N, C-alpha and C. Protein backbone atom coordinates (compact mmCIF):
# COMPACT_ATOMS: atom_id res chain seq x y z
N MET A 1 0.85 -1.18 0.00
CA MET A 1 0.00 0.00 0.00
C MET A 1 0.89 1.24 0.00
N PRO A 2 0.68 2.15 -0.95
CA PRO A 2 1.52 3.36 -1.01
C PRO A 2 1.38 4.21 0.24
N LEU A 3 2.49 4.85 0.60
CA LEU A 3 2.51 5.77 1.73
C LEU A 3 2.22 7.18 1.24
N PRO A 4 1.82 8.09 2.12
CA PRO A 4 1.67 9.49 1.71
C PRO A 4 3.02 10.00 1.20
N GLU A 5 2.98 10.81 0.13
CA GLU A 5 4.22 11.30 -0.47
C GLU A 5 5.09 12.04 0.53
N SER A 6 4.48 12.72 1.49
CA SER A 6 5.24 13.48 2.47
C SER A 6 6.05 12.57 3.40
N VAL A 7 5.67 11.30 3.50
CA VAL A 7 6.34 10.35 4.39
C VAL A 7 7.37 9.50 3.63
N PHE A 8 7.09 9.22 2.39
CA PHE A 8 7.94 8.32 1.59
C PHE A 8 9.20 9.06 1.14
N ASP A 9 10.36 8.50 1.38
CA ASP A 9 11.62 9.15 1.03
C ASP A 9 12.15 8.56 -0.28
N TYR A 10 11.80 9.22 -1.38
CA TYR A 10 12.19 8.76 -2.71
C TYR A 10 13.71 8.77 -2.88
N GLU A 11 14.34 9.86 -2.44
CA GLU A 11 15.79 9.98 -2.61
C GLU A 11 16.53 8.86 -1.89
N ALA A 12 16.08 8.54 -0.66
CA ALA A 12 16.73 7.46 0.08
C ALA A 12 16.55 6.12 -0.63
N ARG A 13 15.38 5.90 -1.22
CA ARG A 13 15.14 4.63 -1.94
C ARG A 13 16.00 4.56 -3.19
N LEU A 14 16.16 5.68 -3.90
CA LEU A 14 17.03 5.68 -5.08
C LEU A 14 18.48 5.43 -4.68
N ALA A 15 18.91 6.04 -3.59
CA ALA A 15 20.28 5.81 -3.10
C ALA A 15 20.46 4.33 -2.75
N ALA A 16 19.44 3.73 -2.16
CA ALA A 16 19.51 2.30 -1.83
C ALA A 16 19.56 1.46 -3.11
N CYS A 17 18.81 1.86 -4.13
CA CYS A 17 18.87 1.16 -5.42
C CYS A 17 20.28 1.23 -5.98
N ALA A 18 20.89 2.41 -5.88
CA ALA A 18 22.26 2.59 -6.38
C ALA A 18 23.23 1.66 -5.66
N ARG A 19 22.91 1.30 -4.41
CA ARG A 19 23.76 0.37 -3.64
C ARG A 19 23.38 -1.09 -3.93
N GLY A 20 22.38 -1.30 -4.78
CA GLY A 20 21.99 -2.66 -5.14
C GLY A 20 20.95 -3.28 -4.23
N GLU A 21 20.24 -2.48 -3.45
CA GLU A 21 19.23 -3.00 -2.53
C GLU A 21 17.89 -3.15 -3.26
N ARG A 22 17.57 -4.37 -3.61
CA ARG A 22 16.37 -4.65 -4.40
C ARG A 22 15.07 -4.27 -3.67
N ALA A 23 15.07 -4.36 -2.36
CA ALA A 23 13.87 -4.00 -1.60
C ALA A 23 13.50 -2.54 -1.84
N ALA A 24 14.49 -1.70 -2.06
CA ALA A 24 14.22 -0.28 -2.33
C ALA A 24 13.49 -0.12 -3.66
N LEU A 25 13.89 -0.90 -4.66
CA LEU A 25 13.19 -0.84 -5.95
C LEU A 25 11.75 -1.32 -5.79
N ARG A 26 11.56 -2.39 -5.01
CA ARG A 26 10.21 -2.88 -4.74
C ARG A 26 9.38 -1.79 -4.06
N ASP A 27 9.97 -1.10 -3.10
CA ASP A 27 9.25 -0.02 -2.42
C ASP A 27 8.85 1.08 -3.40
N LEU A 28 9.77 1.44 -4.30
CA LEU A 28 9.46 2.47 -5.30
C LEU A 28 8.33 2.00 -6.22
N TYR A 29 8.37 0.71 -6.56
CA TYR A 29 7.33 0.16 -7.44
C TYR A 29 5.97 0.20 -6.75
N VAL A 30 5.93 -0.23 -5.50
CA VAL A 30 4.66 -0.22 -4.75
C VAL A 30 4.15 1.20 -4.62
N GLN A 31 5.06 2.14 -4.36
CA GLN A 31 4.67 3.53 -4.13
C GLN A 31 4.20 4.22 -5.42
N GLU A 32 4.90 4.02 -6.53
CA GLU A 32 4.61 4.80 -7.73
C GLU A 32 4.20 3.99 -8.96
N GLY A 33 4.32 2.67 -8.92
CA GLY A 33 3.99 1.85 -10.08
C GLY A 33 2.62 2.15 -10.69
N PRO A 34 1.56 2.17 -9.89
CA PRO A 34 0.23 2.44 -10.46
C PRO A 34 0.12 3.82 -11.12
N ARG A 35 0.75 4.82 -10.52
CA ARG A 35 0.70 6.17 -11.11
C ARG A 35 1.52 6.24 -12.39
N LEU A 36 2.67 5.59 -12.39
CA LEU A 36 3.50 5.56 -13.60
C LEU A 36 2.77 4.81 -14.72
N LEU A 37 2.07 3.75 -14.36
CA LEU A 37 1.28 3.03 -15.36
C LEU A 37 0.19 3.94 -15.92
N GLY A 38 -0.43 4.73 -15.07
CA GLY A 38 -1.45 5.67 -15.53
C GLY A 38 -0.89 6.68 -16.51
N VAL A 39 0.30 7.19 -16.24
CA VAL A 39 0.95 8.15 -17.15
C VAL A 39 1.22 7.48 -18.49
N ALA A 40 1.80 6.30 -18.45
CA ALA A 40 2.12 5.59 -19.70
C ALA A 40 0.85 5.27 -20.49
N LYS A 41 -0.21 4.81 -19.80
CA LYS A 41 -1.47 4.48 -20.49
C LYS A 41 -2.09 5.70 -21.15
N ARG A 42 -2.03 6.84 -20.47
CA ARG A 42 -2.58 8.06 -21.07
C ARG A 42 -1.83 8.45 -22.34
N LEU A 43 -0.54 8.20 -22.36
CA LEU A 43 0.25 8.57 -23.52
C LEU A 43 0.11 7.58 -24.68
N VAL A 44 0.25 6.29 -24.41
CA VAL A 44 0.27 5.31 -25.50
C VAL A 44 -1.09 4.69 -25.79
N ARG A 45 -2.05 4.85 -24.87
CA ARG A 45 -3.42 4.37 -25.04
C ARG A 45 -3.51 2.86 -25.32
N ASP A 46 -2.63 2.11 -24.65
CA ASP A 46 -2.60 0.66 -24.81
C ASP A 46 -2.06 0.08 -23.50
N THR A 47 -2.91 -0.67 -22.80
CA THR A 47 -2.54 -1.16 -21.48
C THR A 47 -1.31 -2.06 -21.51
N ALA A 48 -1.25 -3.02 -22.43
CA ALA A 48 -0.12 -3.95 -22.48
C ALA A 48 1.17 -3.20 -22.79
N LEU A 49 1.10 -2.27 -23.73
CA LEU A 49 2.28 -1.48 -24.08
C LEU A 49 2.69 -0.61 -22.89
N ALA A 50 1.73 -0.02 -22.21
CA ALA A 50 2.03 0.80 -21.02
C ALA A 50 2.70 -0.04 -19.95
N GLU A 51 2.25 -1.27 -19.76
CA GLU A 51 2.87 -2.16 -18.77
C GLU A 51 4.33 -2.44 -19.15
N ASP A 52 4.59 -2.65 -20.44
CA ASP A 52 5.96 -2.88 -20.89
C ASP A 52 6.82 -1.64 -20.65
N ILE A 53 6.25 -0.47 -20.88
CA ILE A 53 6.98 0.78 -20.68
C ILE A 53 7.33 0.95 -19.20
N VAL A 54 6.39 0.67 -18.31
CA VAL A 54 6.66 0.79 -16.88
C VAL A 54 7.71 -0.23 -16.45
N HIS A 55 7.64 -1.43 -16.98
CA HIS A 55 8.65 -2.45 -16.68
C HIS A 55 10.03 -1.93 -17.10
N GLU A 56 10.12 -1.41 -18.31
CA GLU A 56 11.39 -0.87 -18.80
C GLU A 56 11.83 0.34 -17.97
N ALA A 57 10.86 1.16 -17.56
CA ALA A 57 11.18 2.34 -16.74
C ALA A 57 11.83 1.91 -15.42
N PHE A 58 11.29 0.88 -14.79
CA PHE A 58 11.88 0.44 -13.52
C PHE A 58 13.25 -0.19 -13.72
N ILE A 59 13.48 -0.78 -14.86
CA ILE A 59 14.83 -1.28 -15.17
C ILE A 59 15.78 -0.09 -15.30
N LYS A 60 15.34 0.95 -16.00
CA LYS A 60 16.16 2.16 -16.14
C LYS A 60 16.37 2.85 -14.79
N ILE A 61 15.34 2.89 -13.99
CA ILE A 61 15.46 3.49 -12.65
C ILE A 61 16.49 2.72 -11.83
N TRP A 62 16.42 1.40 -11.87
CA TRP A 62 17.36 0.57 -11.13
C TRP A 62 18.79 0.83 -11.59
N HIS A 63 19.00 0.80 -12.92
CA HIS A 63 20.35 0.97 -13.45
C HIS A 63 20.83 2.42 -13.38
N GLY A 64 19.91 3.36 -13.40
CA GLY A 64 20.29 4.77 -13.41
C GLY A 64 20.27 5.45 -12.07
N ALA A 65 19.91 4.73 -11.03
CA ALA A 65 19.77 5.34 -9.69
C ALA A 65 21.05 6.03 -9.24
N ALA A 66 22.19 5.44 -9.53
CA ALA A 66 23.46 6.03 -9.09
C ALA A 66 23.72 7.36 -9.78
N GLY A 67 23.15 7.56 -10.96
CA GLY A 67 23.35 8.80 -11.70
C GLY A 67 22.34 9.89 -11.37
N PHE A 68 21.37 9.57 -10.52
CA PHE A 68 20.36 10.58 -10.15
C PHE A 68 21.03 11.66 -9.31
N ASP A 69 20.77 12.92 -9.68
CA ASP A 69 21.36 14.05 -8.97
C ASP A 69 20.26 15.00 -8.52
N PRO A 70 19.94 15.02 -7.22
CA PRO A 70 18.85 15.88 -6.74
C PRO A 70 19.18 17.36 -6.85
N ALA A 71 20.42 17.72 -7.12
CA ALA A 71 20.82 19.12 -7.20
C ALA A 71 20.52 19.74 -8.57
N ARG A 72 19.93 18.98 -9.49
CA ARG A 72 19.71 19.50 -10.84
C ARG A 72 18.54 20.46 -10.93
N GLY A 73 17.76 20.61 -9.89
CA GLY A 73 16.74 21.66 -9.84
C GLY A 73 15.36 21.25 -10.25
N SER A 74 14.37 21.96 -9.78
CA SER A 74 12.93 21.83 -10.05
C SER A 74 12.44 20.40 -9.92
N ALA A 75 11.36 20.08 -10.65
CA ALA A 75 10.75 18.75 -10.56
C ALA A 75 11.71 17.67 -11.03
N ARG A 76 12.57 18.01 -11.99
CA ARG A 76 13.52 17.01 -12.47
C ARG A 76 14.53 16.66 -11.39
N GLY A 77 14.75 17.58 -10.46
CA GLY A 77 15.68 17.33 -9.38
C GLY A 77 15.12 16.42 -8.31
N SER A 78 13.79 16.31 -8.24
CA SER A 78 13.21 15.42 -7.24
C SER A 78 13.25 13.98 -7.76
N ALA A 79 13.46 13.07 -6.86
CA ALA A 79 13.52 11.66 -7.26
C ALA A 79 12.21 11.22 -7.90
N ARG A 80 11.12 11.63 -7.31
CA ARG A 80 9.81 11.25 -7.86
C ARG A 80 9.63 11.84 -9.26
N GLY A 81 9.99 13.10 -9.43
CA GLY A 81 9.90 13.74 -10.75
C GLY A 81 10.78 13.05 -11.77
N TRP A 82 11.97 12.61 -11.33
CA TRP A 82 12.88 11.91 -12.22
C TRP A 82 12.27 10.59 -12.69
N MET A 83 11.62 9.87 -11.78
CA MET A 83 10.97 8.60 -12.14
C MET A 83 9.87 8.83 -13.18
N PHE A 84 9.09 9.87 -12.98
CA PHE A 84 8.02 10.18 -13.93
C PHE A 84 8.62 10.59 -15.27
N SER A 85 9.73 11.32 -15.23
CA SER A 85 10.40 11.75 -16.45
C SER A 85 10.91 10.55 -17.25
N VAL A 86 11.51 9.59 -16.56
CA VAL A 86 12.00 8.38 -17.22
C VAL A 86 10.84 7.67 -17.92
N THR A 87 9.74 7.50 -17.23
CA THR A 87 8.58 6.80 -17.79
C THR A 87 8.00 7.57 -18.97
N ARG A 88 7.84 8.87 -18.79
CA ARG A 88 7.27 9.71 -19.84
C ARG A 88 8.14 9.67 -21.10
N HIS A 89 9.46 9.75 -20.95
CA HIS A 89 10.36 9.70 -22.10
C HIS A 89 10.26 8.37 -22.84
N LEU A 90 10.18 7.28 -22.10
CA LEU A 90 10.04 5.96 -22.75
C LEU A 90 8.73 5.89 -23.53
N ALA A 91 7.64 6.40 -22.95
CA ALA A 91 6.35 6.38 -23.64
C ALA A 91 6.39 7.25 -24.89
N LEU A 92 6.98 8.43 -24.78
CA LEU A 92 7.07 9.32 -25.95
C LEU A 92 7.96 8.72 -27.03
N ASN A 93 9.05 8.07 -26.63
CA ASN A 93 9.90 7.39 -27.61
C ASN A 93 9.12 6.30 -28.34
N GLN A 94 8.29 5.57 -27.60
CA GLN A 94 7.47 4.52 -28.22
C GLN A 94 6.50 5.14 -29.23
N LEU A 95 5.88 6.26 -28.87
CA LEU A 95 4.96 6.93 -29.79
C LEU A 95 5.69 7.40 -31.04
N ARG A 96 6.89 7.96 -30.89
CA ARG A 96 7.67 8.39 -32.05
C ARG A 96 8.02 7.19 -32.93
N LYS A 97 8.39 6.11 -32.30
CA LYS A 97 8.75 4.90 -33.05
C LYS A 97 7.55 4.38 -33.85
N GLN A 98 6.38 4.36 -33.22
CA GLN A 98 5.17 3.90 -33.91
C GLN A 98 4.82 4.79 -35.09
N SER A 99 5.06 6.09 -34.96
CA SER A 99 4.72 6.99 -36.06
C SER A 99 5.65 6.83 -37.25
N ARG A 100 6.85 6.25 -37.02
CA ARG A 100 7.80 6.03 -38.12
C ARG A 100 7.57 4.71 -38.85
N GLU A 101 6.81 3.81 -38.24
CA GLU A 101 6.58 2.51 -38.87
C GLU A 101 5.76 2.69 -40.13
N THR A 102 6.16 1.97 -41.16
CA THR A 102 5.45 2.08 -42.44
C THR A 102 4.68 0.80 -42.71
N PRO A 103 3.51 0.93 -43.35
CA PRO A 103 2.73 -0.26 -43.67
C PRO A 103 3.38 -1.07 -44.78
N PHE A 104 2.96 -2.31 -44.91
CA PHE A 104 3.41 -3.22 -45.95
C PHE A 104 3.18 -2.58 -47.31
N SER A 105 4.20 -2.50 -48.16
CA SER A 105 4.08 -1.77 -49.42
C SER A 105 3.47 -2.61 -50.54
N GLU A 106 2.95 -1.90 -51.54
CA GLU A 106 2.32 -2.58 -52.68
C GLU A 106 3.33 -3.37 -53.49
N GLU A 107 4.60 -2.91 -53.53
CA GLU A 107 5.61 -3.64 -54.30
C GLU A 107 5.81 -5.04 -53.74
N HIS A 108 5.67 -5.21 -52.42
CA HIS A 108 5.78 -6.54 -51.83
C HIS A 108 4.59 -7.40 -52.23
N GLU A 109 3.41 -6.79 -52.33
CA GLU A 109 2.22 -7.53 -52.70
C GLU A 109 2.31 -8.07 -54.12
N ALA A 110 3.04 -7.35 -55.01
CA ALA A 110 3.13 -7.75 -56.41
C ALA A 110 4.08 -8.93 -56.61
N ALA A 111 4.96 -9.21 -55.68
CA ALA A 111 5.91 -10.31 -55.81
C ALA A 111 5.17 -11.65 -55.78
N ALA A 112 5.74 -12.62 -56.48
CA ALA A 112 5.15 -13.96 -56.50
C ALA A 112 5.19 -14.53 -55.09
N PRO A 113 4.16 -15.26 -54.65
CA PRO A 113 4.13 -15.78 -53.27
C PRO A 113 5.34 -16.62 -52.90
N ASP A 114 5.81 -17.52 -53.79
CA ASP A 114 6.97 -18.35 -53.46
C ASP A 114 8.24 -17.52 -53.33
N GLU A 115 8.40 -16.56 -54.24
CA GLU A 115 9.56 -15.68 -54.20
C GLU A 115 9.56 -14.86 -52.91
N LEU A 116 8.40 -14.36 -52.55
CA LEU A 116 8.26 -13.57 -51.33
C LEU A 116 8.59 -14.42 -50.10
N ALA A 117 8.12 -15.65 -50.10
CA ALA A 117 8.39 -16.55 -48.97
C ALA A 117 9.88 -16.83 -48.83
N ASP A 118 10.58 -17.06 -49.95
CA ASP A 118 12.02 -17.32 -49.92
C ASP A 118 12.78 -16.11 -49.40
N ILE A 119 12.40 -14.93 -49.90
CA ILE A 119 13.07 -13.69 -49.48
C ILE A 119 12.87 -13.49 -47.98
N HIS A 120 11.63 -13.63 -47.53
CA HIS A 120 11.33 -13.42 -46.12
C HIS A 120 12.01 -14.48 -45.25
N SER A 121 12.08 -15.71 -45.71
CA SER A 121 12.71 -16.77 -44.93
C SER A 121 14.19 -16.45 -44.71
N ALA A 122 14.89 -16.06 -45.75
CA ALA A 122 16.31 -15.75 -45.63
C ALA A 122 16.51 -14.52 -44.74
N ARG A 123 15.66 -13.52 -44.91
CA ARG A 123 15.80 -12.29 -44.12
C ARG A 123 15.49 -12.55 -42.65
N ILE A 124 14.46 -13.33 -42.37
CA ILE A 124 14.09 -13.58 -40.97
C ILE A 124 15.19 -14.36 -40.27
N HIS A 125 15.81 -15.31 -40.97
CA HIS A 125 16.91 -16.07 -40.35
C HIS A 125 18.09 -15.14 -40.04
N ARG A 126 18.40 -14.24 -40.97
CA ARG A 126 19.49 -13.28 -40.75
C ARG A 126 19.16 -12.39 -39.55
N CYS A 127 17.92 -11.92 -39.49
CA CYS A 127 17.51 -11.03 -38.40
C CYS A 127 17.47 -11.76 -37.06
N LEU A 128 17.01 -13.01 -37.06
CA LEU A 128 17.00 -13.80 -35.82
C LEU A 128 18.41 -13.98 -35.28
N GLU A 129 19.38 -14.17 -36.16
CA GLU A 129 20.77 -14.37 -35.74
C GLU A 129 21.33 -13.13 -35.04
N GLN A 130 20.74 -11.95 -35.31
CA GLN A 130 21.22 -10.72 -34.70
C GLN A 130 20.70 -10.54 -33.26
N LEU A 131 19.68 -11.31 -32.88
CA LEU A 131 19.14 -11.21 -31.52
C LEU A 131 20.05 -11.92 -30.52
N GLU A 132 20.02 -11.44 -29.29
CA GLU A 132 20.75 -12.14 -28.22
C GLU A 132 20.17 -13.55 -28.09
N PRO A 133 20.98 -14.54 -27.75
CA PRO A 133 20.51 -15.93 -27.70
C PRO A 133 19.25 -16.15 -26.85
N GLN A 134 19.17 -15.54 -25.67
CA GLN A 134 17.98 -15.75 -24.82
C GLN A 134 16.73 -15.17 -25.49
N ARG A 135 16.88 -14.01 -26.09
CA ARG A 135 15.73 -13.37 -26.74
C ARG A 135 15.31 -14.15 -27.99
N ARG A 136 16.30 -14.64 -28.74
CA ARG A 136 15.99 -15.46 -29.91
C ARG A 136 15.26 -16.72 -29.47
N SER A 137 15.71 -17.31 -28.37
CA SER A 137 15.06 -18.50 -27.83
C SER A 137 13.61 -18.22 -27.46
N CYS A 138 13.34 -17.07 -26.83
CA CYS A 138 11.96 -16.69 -26.48
C CYS A 138 11.08 -16.61 -27.73
N ILE A 139 11.59 -15.97 -28.77
CA ILE A 139 10.82 -15.81 -30.01
C ILE A 139 10.55 -17.17 -30.63
N LEU A 140 11.56 -18.01 -30.69
CA LEU A 140 11.38 -19.33 -31.31
C LEU A 140 10.41 -20.19 -30.49
N HIS A 141 10.52 -20.15 -29.16
CA HIS A 141 9.59 -20.91 -28.33
C HIS A 141 8.15 -20.41 -28.54
N ALA A 142 7.99 -19.10 -28.66
CA ALA A 142 6.64 -18.54 -28.80
C ALA A 142 6.05 -18.80 -30.18
N TYR A 143 6.83 -18.57 -31.23
CA TYR A 143 6.26 -18.57 -32.58
C TYR A 143 6.53 -19.84 -33.38
N VAL A 144 7.49 -20.65 -32.94
CA VAL A 144 7.73 -21.92 -33.63
C VAL A 144 7.16 -23.06 -32.80
N ASP A 145 7.48 -23.07 -31.50
CA ASP A 145 7.02 -24.15 -30.63
C ASP A 145 5.60 -23.92 -30.11
N GLY A 146 5.12 -22.68 -30.19
CA GLY A 146 3.76 -22.37 -29.74
C GLY A 146 3.60 -22.29 -28.24
N TYR A 147 4.70 -22.05 -27.50
CA TYR A 147 4.62 -21.96 -26.05
C TYR A 147 3.99 -20.63 -25.63
N SER A 148 3.31 -20.64 -24.51
CA SER A 148 2.78 -19.41 -23.92
C SER A 148 3.93 -18.68 -23.23
N HIS A 149 3.70 -17.41 -22.90
CA HIS A 149 4.73 -16.66 -22.18
C HIS A 149 5.06 -17.33 -20.85
N ALA A 150 4.05 -17.85 -20.16
CA ALA A 150 4.27 -18.52 -18.88
C ALA A 150 5.12 -19.78 -19.06
N GLN A 151 4.86 -20.53 -20.12
CA GLN A 151 5.65 -21.74 -20.38
C GLN A 151 7.10 -21.39 -20.69
N ILE A 152 7.30 -20.31 -21.45
CA ILE A 152 8.67 -19.88 -21.78
C ILE A 152 9.37 -19.44 -20.50
N SER A 153 8.65 -18.70 -19.66
CA SER A 153 9.21 -18.24 -18.39
C SER A 153 9.68 -19.42 -17.55
N ALA A 154 8.86 -20.44 -17.45
CA ALA A 154 9.22 -21.63 -16.66
C ALA A 154 10.39 -22.37 -17.30
N ARG A 155 10.34 -22.52 -18.61
CA ARG A 155 11.37 -23.27 -19.33
C ARG A 155 12.74 -22.60 -19.20
N LEU A 156 12.76 -21.25 -19.26
CA LEU A 156 14.03 -20.51 -19.20
C LEU A 156 14.39 -20.06 -17.79
N ASP A 157 13.50 -20.37 -16.83
CA ASP A 157 13.70 -19.95 -15.44
C ASP A 157 13.98 -18.45 -15.37
N THR A 158 13.08 -17.70 -16.03
CA THR A 158 13.18 -16.25 -16.14
C THR A 158 11.83 -15.66 -15.75
N PRO A 159 11.81 -14.51 -15.04
CA PRO A 159 10.53 -13.91 -14.65
C PRO A 159 9.61 -13.64 -15.86
N LEU A 160 8.32 -13.83 -15.65
CA LEU A 160 7.34 -13.68 -16.72
C LEU A 160 7.40 -12.28 -17.36
N GLY A 161 7.51 -11.25 -16.54
CA GLY A 161 7.58 -9.88 -17.07
C GLY A 161 8.79 -9.68 -17.97
N THR A 162 9.89 -10.29 -17.60
CA THR A 162 11.11 -10.20 -18.41
C THR A 162 10.91 -10.90 -19.75
N VAL A 163 10.30 -12.07 -19.73
CA VAL A 163 10.04 -12.81 -20.97
C VAL A 163 9.14 -11.99 -21.88
N LYS A 164 8.08 -11.41 -21.33
CA LYS A 164 7.18 -10.58 -22.13
C LYS A 164 7.91 -9.40 -22.74
N ALA A 165 8.75 -8.74 -21.93
CA ALA A 165 9.51 -7.58 -22.42
C ALA A 165 10.49 -8.01 -23.51
N TRP A 166 11.17 -9.14 -23.32
CA TRP A 166 12.12 -9.62 -24.32
C TRP A 166 11.41 -9.91 -25.64
N ILE A 167 10.25 -10.56 -25.56
CA ILE A 167 9.52 -10.90 -26.78
C ILE A 167 9.08 -9.63 -27.48
N LYS A 168 8.54 -8.68 -26.74
CA LYS A 168 8.08 -7.43 -27.34
C LYS A 168 9.23 -6.69 -28.01
N ARG A 169 10.34 -6.54 -27.30
CA ARG A 169 11.50 -5.83 -27.87
C ARG A 169 12.09 -6.59 -29.05
N SER A 170 12.12 -7.91 -28.95
CA SER A 170 12.68 -8.72 -30.04
C SER A 170 11.82 -8.61 -31.29
N LEU A 171 10.50 -8.60 -31.11
CA LEU A 171 9.62 -8.43 -32.27
C LEU A 171 9.83 -7.07 -32.91
N ASN A 172 10.01 -6.04 -32.09
CA ASN A 172 10.30 -4.72 -32.64
C ASN A 172 11.62 -4.72 -33.39
N ALA A 173 12.64 -5.38 -32.84
CA ALA A 173 13.95 -5.46 -33.51
C ALA A 173 13.83 -6.23 -34.82
N LEU A 174 13.03 -7.30 -34.83
CA LEU A 174 12.84 -8.06 -36.07
C LEU A 174 12.12 -7.22 -37.11
N ARG A 175 11.11 -6.46 -36.69
CA ARG A 175 10.40 -5.57 -37.64
C ARG A 175 11.36 -4.57 -38.26
N GLU A 176 12.21 -3.97 -37.42
CA GLU A 176 13.19 -3.01 -37.94
C GLU A 176 14.17 -3.67 -38.90
N CYS A 177 14.65 -4.84 -38.52
CA CYS A 177 15.62 -5.56 -39.36
C CYS A 177 14.99 -5.95 -40.70
N MET A 178 13.74 -6.38 -40.65
CA MET A 178 13.06 -6.82 -41.88
C MET A 178 12.71 -5.63 -42.78
N GLY A 179 12.61 -4.43 -42.14
CA GLY A 179 12.25 -3.16 -42.77
C GLY A 179 12.19 -3.19 -44.21
């Protein structure tokens, strides 16, 4: 249950994160996770995507905690403001990325089906090879073996949220590579 903002010490929790104290990250998540999810949902208008953004935001918060500087001034100087800024930037980056994506072109539609399949098969194999092995494994388990995210999580002994994030990011990387 979140504490009143006046009682919760964001800066101390970020400093603890910088020291590698996972309980501090959990405290930050309990305190601000729902509000950060609300910010992300308002921006991207997609609950699953917003959840991925918040997951990525907390990874950035964990890794960036040591670089947080409260002396930088205004809302950005506050730990809470910094957390919201991290989340907001990730959501805006996602919106920019979506606006750059182009639909399937007519020139691809004109290609013979067998020729198109051969081209795509060679390209997808090349693009899959560029993924990190664990992420490639997640994609193959999901789309070749037909495993659910939960089954992949159990099989790889990796948290479910991490598996979902890896699959989402890997699919985005494959889309870019196939471009």
